[in-house]
Amino acid sequence: MKLPSAKTPSVPVGPPLVHQPDYRFAAWCRRQYGINRGIYNTIDDALYRFGLKDIATRRKTIVSFLDEVYQSGKCREKDRVKFGKGMLMATLHQYLRDSFQFVEMR
């Protein structure tokens, strides 16, 4: 199933970044947005279940999602993205609805 690409983040996301080993990519997300490994893994798993099987597409979508959340200030605390209880999945579902026009999570 071919899905449309997500919104373009304000942070450049090219092949060198998306093809990093998982640990390095997660560490970049931590430095850029202040999210921990658990938040990163939850987002990654949810996007995989959504249908984004290609790792490069999934990582670009992760950065796009985090960038949009950060830029909007909705879930930002100082200089990091911070999700309250239950807000990560609610925010991700809304982002997917807005970006892809449909959501079917399993």
N, C-alpha and C. Protein backbone atom coordinates (compact mmCIF):
# COMPACT_ATOMS: atom_id res chain seq x y z
N MET A 1 0.85 -1.18 0.00
CA MET A 1 0.00 0.00 0.00
C MET A 1 0.89 1.24 0.00
N LYS A 2 0.74 2.10 -0.96
CA LYS A 2 1.50 3.33 -1.06
C LYS A 2 0.75 4.44 -0.37
N LEU A 3 1.39 5.05 0.61
CA LEU A 3 0.78 6.15 1.36
C LEU A 3 1.40 7.46 0.91
N PRO A 4 0.65 8.55 0.97
CA PRO A 4 1.23 9.84 0.63
C PRO A 4 2.27 10.22 1.66
N SER A 5 3.23 11.04 1.27
CA SER A 5 4.25 11.46 2.22
C SER A 5 3.68 12.48 3.19
N ALA A 6 4.30 12.55 4.35
CA ALA A 6 3.85 13.48 5.38
C ALA A 6 4.32 14.89 5.05
N LYS A 7 3.92 15.83 5.87
CA LYS A 7 4.32 17.22 5.70
C LYS A 7 5.84 17.33 5.79
N THR A 8 6.40 18.34 5.17
CA THR A 8 7.84 18.55 5.18
C THR A 8 8.23 19.29 6.46
N PRO A 9 9.17 18.72 7.24
CA PRO A 9 9.59 19.39 8.48
C PRO A 9 10.48 20.58 8.18
N SER A 10 10.59 21.50 9.14
CA SER A 10 11.48 22.65 8.96
C SER A 10 12.94 22.25 9.18
N VAL A 11 13.17 21.10 9.79
CA VAL A 11 14.51 20.57 10.00
C VAL A 11 14.88 19.73 8.78
N PRO A 12 16.07 19.93 8.18
CA PRO A 12 16.42 19.12 7.02
C PRO A 12 16.58 17.65 7.39
N VAL A 13 15.89 16.78 6.66
CA VAL A 13 15.92 15.35 6.93
C VAL A 13 16.30 14.65 5.64
N GLY A 14 17.59 14.42 5.48
CA GLY A 14 18.06 13.77 4.27
C GLY A 14 18.55 12.36 4.54
N PRO A 15 19.05 11.72 3.50
CA PRO A 15 19.54 10.34 3.63
C PRO A 15 20.54 10.12 4.76
N PRO A 16 21.51 11.06 4.98
CA PRO A 16 22.45 10.78 6.07
C PRO A 16 21.76 10.59 7.42
N LEU A 17 20.71 11.35 7.68
CA LEU A 17 20.01 11.24 8.97
C LEU A 17 19.13 10.01 9.04
N VAL A 18 18.29 9.80 8.05
CA VAL A 18 17.32 8.70 8.12
C VAL A 18 17.97 7.32 8.00
N HIS A 19 19.19 7.26 7.50
CA HIS A 19 19.87 5.97 7.37
C HIS A 19 20.86 5.69 8.49
N GLN A 20 20.84 6.52 9.52
CA GLN A 20 21.68 6.27 10.69
C GLN A 20 21.19 5.01 11.41
N PRO A 21 22.07 4.36 12.17
CA PRO A 21 21.58 3.26 13.02
C PRO A 21 20.51 3.78 13.98
N ASP A 22 19.64 2.90 14.42
CA ASP A 22 18.50 3.27 15.25
C ASP A 22 18.92 4.07 16.48
N TYR A 23 19.96 3.63 17.17
CA TYR A 23 20.42 4.32 18.38
C TYR A 23 20.79 5.77 18.06
N ARG A 24 21.52 5.99 16.97
CA ARG A 24 21.94 7.35 16.61
C ARG A 24 20.75 8.22 16.21
N PHE A 25 19.81 7.65 15.47
CA PHE A 25 18.64 8.44 15.08
C PHE A 25 17.82 8.82 16.31
N ALA A 26 17.63 7.88 17.22
CA ALA A 26 16.88 8.16 18.46
C ALA A 26 17.62 9.21 19.29
N ALA A 27 18.96 9.14 19.32
CA ALA A 27 19.74 10.13 20.06
C ALA A 27 19.60 11.51 19.42
N TRP A 28 19.56 11.58 18.09
CA TRP A 28 19.35 12.85 17.40
C TRP A 28 17.99 13.43 17.79
N CYS A 29 16.96 12.59 17.81
CA CYS A 29 15.62 13.04 18.21
C CYS A 29 15.63 13.56 19.65
N ARG A 30 16.39 12.90 20.51
CA ARG A 30 16.50 13.34 21.91
C ARG A 30 17.15 14.72 21.97
N ARG A 31 18.25 14.90 21.23
CA ARG A 31 18.93 16.20 21.24
C ARG A 31 18.08 17.30 20.61
N GLN A 32 17.41 16.98 19.53
CA GLN A 32 16.64 17.99 18.78
C GLN A 32 15.34 18.37 19.48
N TYR A 33 14.65 17.37 20.05
CA TYR A 33 13.29 17.60 20.58
C TYR A 33 13.13 17.25 22.06
N GLY A 34 14.15 16.65 22.67
CA GLY A 34 14.08 16.33 24.09
C GLY A 34 13.25 15.11 24.44
N ILE A 35 12.95 14.26 23.45
CA ILE A 35 12.14 13.07 23.74
C ILE A 35 13.04 11.92 24.16
N ASN A 36 12.52 11.06 25.03
CA ASN A 36 13.31 9.91 25.46
C ASN A 36 13.09 8.73 24.51
N ARG A 37 13.84 7.66 24.74
CA ARG A 37 13.80 6.50 23.86
C ARG A 37 12.41 5.84 23.87
N GLY A 38 11.73 5.85 25.00
CA GLY A 38 10.40 5.26 25.08
C GLY A 38 9.39 5.98 24.20
N ILE A 39 9.44 7.30 24.19
CA ILE A 39 8.55 8.09 23.33
C ILE A 39 8.88 7.81 21.87
N TYR A 40 10.16 7.82 21.55
CA TYR A 40 10.59 7.52 20.18
C TYR A 40 10.09 6.15 19.73
N ASN A 41 10.29 5.13 20.57
CA ASN A 41 9.86 3.77 20.21
C ASN A 41 8.35 3.68 20.04
N THR A 42 7.60 4.38 20.88
CA THR A 42 6.14 4.37 20.77
C THR A 42 5.68 4.99 19.46
N ILE A 43 6.28 6.12 19.09
CA ILE A 43 5.93 6.77 17.82
C ILE A 43 6.30 5.86 16.65
N ASP A 44 7.51 5.30 16.69
CA ASP A 44 7.98 4.42 15.62
C ASP A 44 7.06 3.21 15.45
N ASP A 45 6.68 2.59 16.55
CA ASP A 45 5.80 1.42 16.50
C ASP A 45 4.42 1.80 15.96
N ALA A 46 3.89 2.92 16.41
CA ALA A 46 2.56 3.35 15.94
C ALA A 46 2.57 3.62 14.44
N LEU A 47 3.62 4.25 13.95
CA LEU A 47 3.71 4.52 12.51
C LEU A 47 3.86 3.23 11.71
N TYR A 48 4.59 2.28 12.25
CA TYR A 48 4.73 0.98 11.59
C TYR A 48 3.37 0.29 11.50
N ARG A 49 2.62 0.31 12.60
CA ARG A 49 1.28 -0.29 12.60
C ARG A 49 0.33 0.47 11.68
N PHE A 50 0.55 1.74 11.51
CA PHE A 50 -0.26 2.57 10.62
C PHE A 50 -0.04 2.17 9.15
N GLY A 51 1.12 1.58 8.87
CA GLY A 51 1.38 1.14 7.50
C GLY A 51 2.66 1.67 6.90
N LEU A 52 3.39 2.47 7.66
CA LEU A 52 4.66 3.00 7.17
C LEU A 52 5.75 1.96 7.44
N LYS A 53 5.91 1.02 6.54
CA LYS A 53 6.86 -0.08 6.73
C LYS A 53 8.29 0.32 6.38
N ASP A 54 8.45 1.24 5.42
CA ASP A 54 9.78 1.69 5.01
C ASP A 54 10.40 2.56 6.10
N ILE A 55 11.59 2.18 6.55
CA ILE A 55 12.22 2.86 7.68
C ILE A 55 12.52 4.33 7.38
N ALA A 56 12.97 4.63 6.17
CA ALA A 56 13.29 6.03 5.83
C ALA A 56 12.03 6.89 5.84
N THR A 57 10.94 6.38 5.29
CA THR A 57 9.67 7.11 5.30
C THR A 57 9.18 7.30 6.72
N ARG A 58 9.30 6.26 7.54
CA ARG A 58 8.85 6.33 8.93
C ARG A 58 9.67 7.38 9.68
N ARG A 59 10.97 7.39 9.48
CA ARG A 59 11.81 8.36 10.20
C ARG A 59 11.53 9.79 9.75
N LYS A 60 11.32 9.99 8.47
CA LYS A 60 10.96 11.33 7.99
C LYS A 60 9.64 11.77 8.61
N THR A 61 8.71 10.83 8.76
CA THR A 61 7.42 11.15 9.36
C THR A 61 7.58 11.44 10.85
N ILE A 62 8.46 10.71 11.53
CA ILE A 62 8.73 10.98 12.95
C ILE A 62 9.23 12.41 13.11
N VAL A 63 10.21 12.80 12.29
CA VAL A 63 10.76 14.15 12.39
C VAL A 63 9.69 15.19 12.04
N SER A 64 8.91 14.92 11.02
CA SER A 64 7.85 15.85 10.63
C SER A 64 6.84 16.03 11.77
N PHE A 65 6.45 14.92 12.39
CA PHE A 65 5.51 14.97 13.52
C PHE A 65 6.10 15.76 14.68
N LEU A 66 7.31 15.41 15.09
CA LEU A 66 7.93 16.09 16.23
C LEU A 66 8.15 17.57 15.94
N ASP A 67 8.55 17.88 14.71
CA ASP A 67 8.77 19.26 14.33
C ASP A 67 7.46 20.06 14.38
N GLU A 68 6.40 19.47 13.86
CA GLU A 68 5.10 20.17 13.89
C GLU A 68 4.64 20.40 15.33
N VAL A 69 4.78 19.39 16.17
CA VAL A 69 4.38 19.54 17.58
C VAL A 69 5.22 20.62 18.25
N TYR A 70 6.53 20.60 18.00
CA TYR A 70 7.42 21.59 18.60
C TYR A 70 7.09 23.00 18.11
N GLN A 71 6.95 23.15 16.79
CA GLN A 71 6.69 24.47 16.22
C GLN A 71 5.34 25.04 16.67
N SER A 72 4.35 24.17 16.84
CA SER A 72 3.02 24.63 17.26
C SER A 72 2.99 25.08 18.71
N GLY A 73 3.92 24.56 19.51
CA GLY A 73 3.95 24.89 20.93
C GLY A 73 2.92 24.16 21.76
N LYS A 74 2.11 23.28 21.12
CA LYS A 74 1.03 22.57 21.83
C LYS A 74 1.56 21.70 22.96
N CYS A 75 2.61 20.98 22.69
CA CYS A 75 3.16 20.05 23.68
C CYS A 75 4.62 20.40 23.95
N ARG A 76 4.89 21.67 24.10
CA ARG A 76 6.27 22.09 24.31
C ARG A 76 6.44 22.64 25.72
N GLU A 77 7.53 22.21 26.33
CA GLU A 77 7.90 22.70 27.65
C GLU A 77 9.34 23.17 27.55
N LYS A 78 9.56 24.45 27.67
CA LYS A 78 10.87 25.07 27.45
C LYS A 78 11.33 24.73 26.04
N ASP A 79 12.45 24.06 25.90
CA ASP A 79 12.97 23.75 24.56
C ASP A 79 12.82 22.28 24.20
N ARG A 80 11.79 21.63 24.70
CA ARG A 80 11.60 20.21 24.39
C ARG A 80 10.13 19.89 24.21
N VAL A 81 9.89 18.81 23.50
CA VAL A 81 8.52 18.33 23.31
C VAL A 81 8.17 17.49 24.53
N LYS A 82 7.04 17.77 25.14
CA LYS A 82 6.61 17.04 26.33
C LYS A 82 5.14 16.69 26.18
N PHE A 83 4.86 15.39 26.22
CA PHE A 83 3.49 14.92 26.11
C PHE A 83 2.98 14.56 27.50
N GLY A 84 1.81 15.05 27.84
CA GLY A 84 1.19 14.67 29.10
C GLY A 84 0.58 13.29 28.99
N LYS A 85 0.01 12.83 30.07
CA LYS A 85 -0.59 11.49 30.10
C LYS A 85 -1.64 11.33 29.00
N GLY A 86 -1.43 10.34 28.15
CA GLY A 86 -2.37 10.03 27.08
C GLY A 86 -2.30 10.96 25.88
N MET A 87 -1.47 11.97 25.94
CA MET A 87 -1.44 12.96 24.86
C MET A 87 -0.58 12.54 23.67
N LEU A 88 0.38 11.65 23.87
CA LEU A 88 1.22 11.24 22.74
C LEU A 88 0.39 10.62 21.64
N MET A 89 -0.38 9.59 21.96
CA MET A 89 -1.15 8.89 20.93
C MET A 89 -2.27 9.78 20.38
N ALA A 90 -2.89 10.58 21.23
CA ALA A 90 -3.94 11.49 20.75
C ALA A 90 -3.36 12.50 19.76
N THR A 91 -2.20 13.04 20.08
CA THR A 91 -1.55 14.02 19.21
C THR A 91 -1.09 13.36 17.92
N LEU A 92 -0.54 12.15 18.02
CA LEU A 92 -0.08 11.42 16.83
C LEU A 92 -1.26 11.07 15.93
N HIS A 93 -2.36 10.60 16.50
CA HIS A 93 -3.54 10.28 15.70
C HIS A 93 -4.05 11.52 14.97
N GLN A 94 -4.09 12.66 15.65
CA GLN A 94 -4.54 13.90 15.01
C GLN A 94 -3.60 14.29 13.87
N TYR A 95 -2.31 14.17 14.11
CA TYR A 95 -1.32 14.48 13.08
C TYR A 95 -1.53 13.58 11.85
N LEU A 96 -1.74 12.30 12.08
CA LEU A 96 -1.94 11.36 10.97
C LEU A 96 -3.23 11.67 10.23
N ARG A 97 -4.29 12.01 10.97
CA ARG A 97 -5.55 12.39 10.31
C ARG A 97 -5.34 13.62 9.42
N ASP A 98 -4.64 14.60 9.94
CA ASP A 98 -4.40 15.83 9.18
C ASP A 98 -3.46 15.60 8.00
N SER A 99 -2.47 14.74 8.18
CA SER A 99 -1.45 14.53 7.15
C SER A 99 -1.88 13.55 6.07
N PHE A 100 -2.59 12.51 6.46
CA PHE A 100 -2.90 11.44 5.53
C PHE A 100 -4.39 11.32 5.23
N GLN A 101 -5.21 12.13 5.87
CA GLN A 101 -6.65 12.16 5.67
C GLN A 101 -7.39 10.92 6.16
N PHE A 102 -6.71 9.98 6.76
CA PHE A 102 -7.37 8.81 7.35
C PHE A 102 -6.42 8.17 8.35
N VAL A 103 -7.00 7.43 9.29
CA VAL A 103 -6.20 6.70 10.27
C VAL A 103 -6.87 5.39 10.55
N GLU A 104 -6.10 4.34 10.46
CA GLU A 104 -6.58 3.03 10.87
C GLU A 104 -5.46 2.36 11.64
N MET A 105 -5.48 2.51 12.95
CA MET A 105 -4.43 1.94 13.81
C MET A 105 -4.88 0.58 14.29
N ARG A 106 -3.96 -0.35 14.32
CA ARG A 106 -4.25 -1.68 14.85
C ARG A 106 -3.39 -1.94 16.05
